[in-house]
Each structure stands twice: as structure tokens, then as C-alpha cells.
Amino acid sequence: MMQIRKLNTLRAMAALIVLISHYSNSTQIFGGILGRGAGQLGVMLFFMLSGFLMAYLYLEKDSTPKHIRSFIFARIARVLPLFVIIVGVSYASSQLGFNAVYQIHDYQTLLAHLSFLFGISVLWTIPTEIQFYLLFIILWRLYAQSAIYFYSISVLIFISVVYLNFPRYSGTFFGFPYDLSLLRALPFFLSGTLLGLLYRRWAPPATWQNPWFVVALCAIPLLYPQVFSRLIGYEHQLWQDINIWLVMTLIFFILIFLTAEQHCLLTNRIGDFLGEISYSLYLLHMLVLVQIEASARQAPFMYFPIFILLSILLAYLSYRFIEKPTRQYIRTIANIH
């Protein structure tokens, strides 16, 4: 299947948006304008990319038990090993009295993470991703029966989520924390899914594609909550603002469909490399930030490149020695080609 190379750079950009946002929150670099919720826009981009790839890779395949099994093991190989290691190390560190990056102090919180019902800090996105995979299997089965079923259910889900004001249900149940964020994230997953399906079936005329469409990326910083409020005069609600979903979906559409395929900003070796390690970069950058936070607050501009470079180095080591080997091992024992 043809690789969509520009997706690598978009993954890298999504991860870097999150990194810069967290660094901004910790150090107040530029007055904190690059943080305070800005990282959520990177997560939205991640979710759209996930929906896009699920549709592009799987929806046109028959939803046979064999293909569903391959899907499940491929997703397990991609997401779970590093997540489980981080959760386990965080719990063990807390039990041993160390100041773990992710505060998982008790077995209830540990089990809530491992059952994909809860995630602390950036880890909340992984249970949400897993929950979407389970929903995707249902949508895949519906699509195999009839495209009308698939589109009807997708629209019904979207209308219901909007009507409920993009809900997020959280709390504790018999001491076990839960945080069901899938509903508020579903519009982004679904728009990515529909665009992934469209990508397989339709290509815009060559005259529609233009290198200048890459400037759509410039609209993302304008949506940063602090930037947006200073420009427009009011604060948007991020996940609960349908206009943010519309703009992010439009940006994604422009970059995927209308931007020239070989544009140097979207197809380059740096984007390929950072996109490849983006999952580790996303999950592990907080480890670096915690270590340098005290010094970075005193000299945020000097420590910013140090933070980025150390995060990339740690992510590369994680990808090289954890992500890639475990992924290959799981795919091998599951006989996934």
C-alpha cells in the first residue's frame, strides 16, 4: 500500500506542539502564550491522523475474523508495549518512594490505566485511543454490510456528541478512577476516518494542489487559547467548541488533499525521523522536562533547545530499543505481514 509520506511530518508537528506547550506551561517562556491548552491542538491532530489511517488501511478490507485479528494485534504492537512499560515503571517508582513523572500511587490507579479507563497527564490519550479502536471495529463491520449503515451511524454519533456538548465523564467507581474522554474526542476521530475513506476514493485535480496551501499550518498557532483570546477577544472551549473542530478538520483536509505531494516542508527526512519516533517523543518528554524544570525556569530560552534535543534523544532510544523490537516481535508471533 502506498505510503503517505506527509503524515510523518504531521505526526512530528503534533508531538512538537505538545512538547512546546508543556515547556511553556512549566517555564512561562514568552509569558506562557504557547501553552495553557495549546498542546490539546496537537492531540486533536493525533486523533485525526489515527482515524485517517484506520480508514485508509482497513475500511476497504473485508471485516473477516482474520483481518480483525490482524488489526487488533497491529494496534497492540503499535501502542501497548511502551504504554505498559511507562505505567509499570511509574507505579514501581511510586512504591519505592521515588518522584515518578506519572503519579500512579496505588493499585486502583494502576489497574485503571491497564484497563484503559483512565490516564494521568498525557497518558489519558492512550485509553481514549484504545476505546476508539474498539468502536472502529464496530464501524468497520457496519461498513462491510453497507456504507449507508456506516455513514448513518457516524452522523448519528456526531450529532449525539454535539447535542451532549462533547461530554467527558470522570470520577471513581469503588475506588477505581475512570476518565471516559472518547466522546469529546470522537468528532476528531470521525472526521479523520471520513477523510481517510475519501482519500482512497478521490484525488483532487492536479490544478487544485498548490505548494502555498502549506500555509494552512500557520492557522494552528492562531488557535492557541492565549493567542486566540488576544486576537479575537474571547476564549474558545477547545474540545467543546465545534468551531475548533471545523477549523482543524479544514486544515487537515487542505494539508492532505490540496498541498503539493512533494512539498519540502511536509516530505523531508527530518519529518520522517521525528514522525517515526513521535509516539515515544509524546510519552517520554515529560521525563526530560521534570529533570530540567527548575533550571529551565531560570533560563527558559537557553534550556529550550536542550529540552527538545534531550527529548528527541530519549525518544530515539526508546523507539530503537523498546518500540521497534517489541512491535516486530508481536507482529511476528501474530503472523502479521
Protein backbone atom coordinates (compact mmCIF):
# COMPACT_ATOMS: atom_id res chain seq x y z
CA MET A 1 0.00 0.00 0.00
CA MET A 2 1.29 3.44 -0.88
CA GLN A 3 2.85 5.34 1.98
CA ILE A 4 1.51 8.84 2.58
CA ARG A 5 4.81 10.41 3.50
CA LYS A 6 3.46 13.78 4.59
CA LEU A 7 1.72 12.07 7.52
CA ASN A 8 5.13 11.55 9.12
CA THR A 9 5.73 15.28 9.34
CA LEU A 10 2.21 15.89 10.63
CA ARG A 11 2.83 13.37 13.44
CA ALA A 12 6.07 15.16 14.25
CA MET A 13 4.32 18.54 14.31
CA ALA A 14 1.58 17.20 16.59
CA ALA A 15 4.18 15.89 19.04
CA LEU A 16 6.18 19.13 18.97
CA ILE A 17 3.04 21.19 19.65
CA VAL A 18 2.55 19.14 22.82
CA LEU A 19 6.21 19.41 23.85
CA ILE A 20 6.36 23.17 23.37
CA SER A 21 3.06 23.63 25.20
CA HIS A 22 4.27 21.72 28.26
CA TYR A 23 7.59 23.56 28.25
CA SER A 24 5.70 26.85 28.05
CA ASN A 25 3.47 25.88 30.96
CA SER A 26 6.47 24.97 33.10
CA THR A 27 8.78 27.87 32.27
CA GLN A 28 6.35 30.60 31.16
CA ILE A 29 8.57 31.25 28.15
CA PHE A 30 7.04 34.09 26.09
CA GLY A 31 4.68 34.67 29.00
CA GLY A 32 3.19 31.19 28.63
CA ILE A 33 1.39 32.12 25.43
CA LEU A 34 2.45 28.86 23.74
CA GLY A 35 0.87 26.74 26.45
CA ARG A 36 -2.28 26.81 28.57
CA GLY A 37 -4.16 24.28 26.49
CA ALA A 38 -2.27 24.70 23.21
CA GLY A 39 -0.99 21.13 23.46
CA GLN A 40 -4.57 19.89 23.07
CA LEU A 41 -4.44 21.03 19.44
CA GLY A 42 -1.57 18.61 18.89
CA VAL A 43 -3.65 15.83 20.45
CA MET A 44 -6.55 16.71 18.15
CA LEU A 45 -4.19 16.35 15.20
CA PHE A 46 -3.03 12.98 16.53
CA PHE A 47 -6.62 11.76 16.79
CA MET A 48 -7.46 12.87 13.25
CA LEU A 49 -4.33 11.13 11.97
CA SER A 50 -5.38 7.97 13.80
CA GLY A 51 -8.88 7.98 12.32
CA PHE A 52 -7.47 8.73 8.87
CA LEU A 53 -5.04 5.82 8.98
CA MET A 54 -7.59 3.36 10.36
CA ALA A 55 -9.93 4.12 7.46
CA TYR A 56 -7.16 4.20 4.87
CA LEU A 57 -5.59 0.93 5.99
CA TYR A 58 -8.61 -1.17 6.95
CA LEU A 59 -12.07 0.01 5.89
CA GLU A 60 -11.82 -1.31 2.36
CA LYS A 61 -10.76 -4.75 3.60
CA ASP A 62 -13.36 -7.37 4.38
CA SER A 63 -14.08 -7.41 8.11
CA THR A 64 -13.29 -11.10 8.41
CA PRO A 65 -12.07 -12.57 11.71
CA LYS A 66 -8.62 -12.88 10.14
CA HIS A 67 -8.45 -9.19 9.20
CA ILE A 68 -9.89 -8.08 12.55
CA ARG A 69 -7.33 -10.22 14.35
CA SER A 70 -4.56 -8.63 12.29
CA PHE A 71 -5.95 -5.19 13.11
CA ILE A 72 -6.04 -5.92 16.85
CA PHE A 73 -2.50 -7.27 17.02
CA ALA A 74 -1.15 -4.47 14.81
CA ARG A 75 -2.67 -1.89 17.14
CA ILE A 76 -1.40 -3.74 20.23
CA ALA A 77 2.08 -3.83 18.73
CA ARG A 78 1.98 -0.13 17.91
CA VAL A 79 0.57 1.29 21.14
CA LEU A 80 0.70 -1.01 24.14
CA PRO A 81 4.33 -2.03 24.88
CA LEU A 82 5.67 1.44 25.67
CA PHE A 83 2.48 2.48 27.43
CA VAL A 84 2.50 -0.60 29.68
CA ILE A 85 6.21 -0.13 30.47
CA ILE A 86 5.70 3.54 31.41
CA VAL A 87 2.68 2.73 33.59
CA GLY A 88 4.51 -0.14 35.28
CA VAL A 89 7.68 1.87 35.92
CA SER A 90 5.64 4.80 37.23
CA TYR A 91 3.81 2.55 39.69
CA ALA A 92 7.01 0.81 40.80
CA SER A 93 8.77 4.16 41.26
CA SER A 94 5.93 5.47 43.39
CA GLN A 95 6.01 2.34 45.57
CA LEU A 96 9.77 2.70 46.06
CA GLY A 97 9.40 6.32 47.11
CA PHE A 98 10.82 7.96 44.00
CA ASN A 99 9.26 11.06 42.48
CA ALA A 100 7.80 9.42 39.38
CA VAL A 101 6.86 11.58 36.40
CA TYR A 102 3.42 9.97 36.20
CA GLN A 103 1.96 9.69 39.69
CA ILE A 104 0.47 6.20 39.88
CA HIS A 105 0.49 5.60 43.64
CA ASP A 106 -1.97 2.76 44.19
CA TYR A 107 -3.11 -0.45 42.54
CA GLN A 108 -6.53 1.02 41.71
CA THR A 109 -4.93 3.72 39.56
CA LEU A 110 -2.57 1.14 38.08
CA LEU A 111 -5.43 -1.16 37.09
CA ALA A 112 -7.46 1.78 35.77
CA HIS A 113 -4.58 2.57 33.41
CA LEU A 114 -4.09 -1.03 32.33
CA SER A 115 -7.83 -1.48 31.72
CA PHE A 116 -7.83 1.69 29.57
CA LEU A 117 -10.34 3.53 31.70
CA PHE A 118 -8.05 6.25 32.98
CA GLY A 119 -4.83 8.05 32.15
CA ILE A 120 -2.88 10.62 34.10
CA SER A 121 -1.24 13.59 32.37
CA VAL A 122 -0.57 12.80 28.68
CA LEU A 123 -1.38 9.13 29.31
CA TRP A 124 -5.12 9.93 29.10
CA THR A 125 -4.90 9.83 25.33
CA ILE A 126 -3.88 6.16 25.14
CA PRO A 127 -7.05 4.72 26.77
CA THR A 128 -9.03 7.08 24.54
CA GLU A 129 -7.18 5.73 21.50
CA ILE A 130 -7.82 2.12 22.53
CA GLN A 131 -11.51 2.85 23.07
CA PHE A 132 -11.68 4.29 19.56
CA TYR A 133 -10.10 1.12 18.15
CA LEU A 134 -12.90 -0.92 19.70
CA LEU A 135 -15.50 1.43 18.23
CA PHE A 136 -13.74 1.30 14.88
CA ILE A 137 -14.19 -2.48 14.69
CA ILE A 138 -17.95 -1.94 15.02
CA LEU A 139 -17.89 0.77 12.35
CA TRP A 140 -15.79 -1.48 10.13
CA ARG A 141 -18.34 -4.28 10.43
CA LEU A 142 -21.13 -1.85 9.60
CA TYR A 143 -19.23 -0.56 6.58
CA ALA A 144 -18.73 -4.12 5.35
CA GLN A 145 -22.50 -4.67 5.47
CA SER A 146 -23.47 -1.34 3.93
CA ALA A 147 -21.80 2.01 3.51
CA ILE A 148 -25.16 3.58 4.33
CA TYR A 149 -25.08 1.98 7.78
CA PHE A 150 -21.58 3.28 8.35
CA TYR A 151 -22.33 6.86 7.32
CA SER A 152 -25.66 6.92 9.16
CA ILE A 153 -24.17 5.70 12.44
CA SER A 154 -21.20 8.07 12.09
CA VAL A 155 -23.51 11.06 11.60
CA LEU A 156 -25.76 9.93 14.45
CA ILE A 157 -22.77 9.60 16.78
CA PHE A 158 -21.51 13.04 15.81
CA ILE A 159 -24.91 14.71 16.30
CA SER A 160 -25.33 12.99 19.67
CA VAL A 161 -21.90 14.11 20.87
CA VAL A 162 -22.57 17.70 19.81
CA TYR A 163 -26.02 17.63 21.43
CA LEU A 164 -24.44 16.41 24.67
CA ASN A 165 -21.86 19.22 24.41
CA PHE A 166 -18.84 16.96 23.88
CA PRO A 167 -19.12 15.22 27.28
CA ARG A 168 -16.28 13.88 29.38
CA TYR A 169 -17.33 11.51 32.14
CA SER A 170 -14.87 11.07 35.01
CA GLY A 171 -14.88 10.07 38.66
CA THR A 172 -14.24 6.99 40.77
CA PHE A 173 -16.03 3.66 40.96
CA PHE A 174 -15.34 1.56 44.08
CA GLY A 175 -12.03 3.37 44.40
CA PHE A 176 -11.05 2.93 40.76
CA PRO A 177 -10.67 6.20 38.83
CA TYR A 178 -12.16 6.50 35.37
CA ASP A 179 -12.00 9.21 32.74
CA LEU A 180 -14.01 8.48 29.63
CA SER A 181 -12.80 11.11 27.19
CA LEU A 182 -13.69 9.27 23.99
CA LEU A 183 -16.95 11.13 23.42
CA ARG A 184 -15.34 14.56 23.38
CA ALA A 185 -12.60 13.26 21.06
CA LEU A 186 -14.92 11.36 18.70
CA PRO A 187 -15.56 14.24 16.25
CA PHE A 188 -11.82 14.37 15.52
CA PHE A 189 -11.51 10.61 15.13
CA LEU A 190 -14.58 10.51 12.88
CA SER A 191 -13.52 13.42 10.66
CA GLY A 192 -10.16 11.71 10.21
CA THR A 193 -11.91 8.44 9.40
CA LEU A 194 -14.15 10.03 6.77
CA LEU A 195 -11.21 11.85 5.20
CA GLY A 196 -9.21 8.62 5.13
CA LEU A 197 -12.04 6.92 3.29
CA LEU A 198 -12.28 9.87 0.91
CA TYR A 199 -8.53 9.72 0.25
CA ARG A 200 -8.84 6.15 -1.04
CA ARG A 201 -11.67 7.06 -3.39
CA TRP A 202 -10.99 10.56 -4.67
CA ALA A 203 -7.99 12.57 -5.74
CA PRO A 204 -8.38 16.31 -6.36
CA PRO A 205 -7.45 17.60 -9.80
CA ALA A 206 -3.76 18.43 -10.07
CA THR A 207 -4.66 22.08 -10.63
CA TRP A 208 -6.16 22.20 -7.14
CA GLN A 209 -2.88 21.30 -5.49
CA ASN A 210 -0.53 24.14 -4.70
CA PRO A 211 2.61 24.45 -2.55
CA TRP A 212 1.19 27.58 -0.94
CA PHE A 213 -1.56 25.60 0.76
CA VAL A 214 1.01 24.54 3.35
CA VAL A 215 0.46 27.96 4.96
CA ALA A 216 -2.67 26.36 6.44
CA LEU A 217 -0.27 25.20 9.17
CA CYS A 218 0.01 28.82 10.26
CA ALA A 219 -3.63 28.73 11.35
CA ILE A 220 -2.87 26.23 14.13
CA PRO A 221 -0.87 28.67 16.32
CA LEU A 222 -3.68 31.19 15.87
CA LEU A 223 -5.94 28.69 17.65
CA TYR A 224 -3.71 28.53 20.73
CA PRO A 225 -6.04 29.66 23.53
CA GLN A 226 -3.86 32.56 24.67
CA VAL A 227 -3.16 33.72 21.11
CA PHE A 228 -6.80 33.35 20.09
CA SER A 229 -8.13 35.28 23.09
CA ARG A 230 -5.73 38.16 22.44
CA LEU A 231 -6.64 38.31 18.76
CA ILE A 232 -10.40 37.77 18.97
CA GLY A 233 -11.24 38.90 22.47
CA TYR A 234 -12.80 35.76 23.90
CA GLU A 235 -11.60 32.29 24.88
CA HIS A 236 -12.72 29.28 22.91
CA GLN A 237 -13.50 25.99 24.63
CA LEU A 238 -11.09 23.71 22.75
CA TRP A 239 -12.78 20.25 22.78
CA GLN A 240 -16.22 21.69 23.42
CA ASP A 241 -16.06 24.26 20.63
CA ILE A 242 -17.40 22.96 17.33
CA ASN A 243 -15.65 25.79 15.51
CA ILE A 244 -12.27 24.42 16.61
CA TRP A 245 -13.25 21.03 15.19
CA LEU A 246 -14.31 22.66 11.92
CA VAL A 247 -11.07 24.64 11.54
CA MET A 248 -8.82 21.70 12.47
CA THR A 249 -10.68 19.46 10.05
CA LEU A 250 -10.35 22.06 7.29
CA ILE A 251 -6.61 22.43 7.98
CA PHE A 252 -6.18 18.66 7.87
CA PHE A 253 -8.12 18.43 4.60
CA ILE A 254 -6.03 21.18 2.99
CA LEU A 255 -2.73 19.61 4.04
CA ILE A 256 -3.68 16.10 2.90
CA PHE A 257 -5.63 16.83 -0.27
CA LEU A 258 -4.60 20.24 -1.58
CA THR A 259 -0.95 20.68 -0.61
CA ALA A 260 1.51 19.51 -3.26
CA GLU A 261 2.58 15.92 -2.57
CA GLN A 262 6.32 16.59 -2.53
CA HIS A 263 6.29 19.88 -0.67
CA CYS A 264 9.61 20.14 1.15
CA LEU A 265 8.01 21.19 4.45
CA LEU A 266 5.86 18.05 4.57
CA THR A 267 8.09 15.47 2.89
CA ASN A 268 11.61 15.55 4.24
CA ARG A 269 13.99 13.35 6.21
CA ILE A 270 13.65 15.31 9.42
CA GLY A 271 9.87 14.93 9.31
CA ASP A 272 10.25 11.22 8.54
CA PHE A 273 12.59 10.72 11.50
CA LEU A 274 10.58 12.73 14.02
CA GLY A 275 7.33 11.18 12.80
CA GLU A 276 8.80 7.71 13.32
CA ILE A 277 9.71 8.44 16.95
CA SER A 278 6.72 10.71 17.65
CA TYR A 279 4.94 8.22 19.93
CA SER A 280 7.96 7.90 22.23
CA LEU A 281 8.52 11.64 21.96
CA TYR A 282 4.96 12.29 23.08
CA LEU A 283 5.00 9.87 26.02
CA LEU A 284 8.54 10.46 27.33
CA HIS A 285 9.21 14.19 27.01
CA MET A 286 7.77 14.82 30.46
CA LEU A 287 10.60 12.74 31.92
CA VAL A 288 13.11 15.21 30.48
CA LEU A 289 11.07 18.24 31.47
CA VAL A 290 10.85 17.19 35.11
CA GLN A 291 14.62 16.78 35.29
CA ILE A 292 15.46 20.23 33.92
CA GLU A 293 12.40 22.14 35.07
CA ALA A 294 14.00 24.03 37.96
CA SER A 295 16.90 25.27 35.83
CA ALA A 296 14.70 25.93 32.80
CA ARG A 297 12.51 28.28 34.82
CA GLN A 298 15.58 30.41 35.48
CA ALA A 299 16.77 30.45 31.86
CA PRO A 300 13.89 29.24 29.63
CA PHE A 301 15.41 30.34 26.31
CA MET A 302 18.74 28.65 26.98
CA TYR A 303 17.17 25.38 28.13
CA PHE A 304 14.56 25.16 25.39
CA PRO A 305 16.89 23.61 22.74
CA ILE A 306 18.34 21.37 25.46
CA PHE A 307 14.83 20.16 26.32
CA ILE A 308 13.99 19.47 22.67
CA LEU A 309 17.27 17.69 21.89
CA LEU A 310 17.21 15.54 25.04
CA SER A 311 13.58 14.62 24.39
CA ILE A 312 14.41 13.59 20.83
CA LEU A 313 17.41 11.55 22.02
CA LEU A 314 15.35 9.76 24.67
CA ALA A 315 12.56 9.14 22.15
CA TYR A 316 15.03 7.69 19.64
CA LEU A 317 16.50 5.33 22.22
CA SER A 318 13.01 4.28 23.25
CA TYR A 319 11.99 3.70 19.64
CA ARG A 320 15.22 1.85 18.81
CA PHE A 321 15.33 -0.44 21.84
CA ILE A 322 11.71 -0.71 23.01
CA GLU A 323 9.11 0.32 20.44
CA LYS A 324 10.56 -1.20 17.28
CA PRO A 325 11.75 -4.55 18.72
CA THR A 326 8.54 -5.22 20.68
CA ARG A 327 6.42 -4.20 17.70
CA GLN A 328 8.29 -6.56 15.41
CA TYR A 329 8.12 -9.36 17.97
CA ILE A 330 4.36 -9.06 18.45
CA ARG A 331 3.75 -8.86 14.71
CA THR A 332 5.94 -11.92 14.17
CA ILE A 333 4.24 -14.13 16.75
CA ALA A 334 0.84 -12.93 15.47
CA ASN A 335 1.95 -13.67 11.89
CA ILE A 336 1.14 -10.14 10.68
CA HIS A 337 2.87 -9.12 7.47
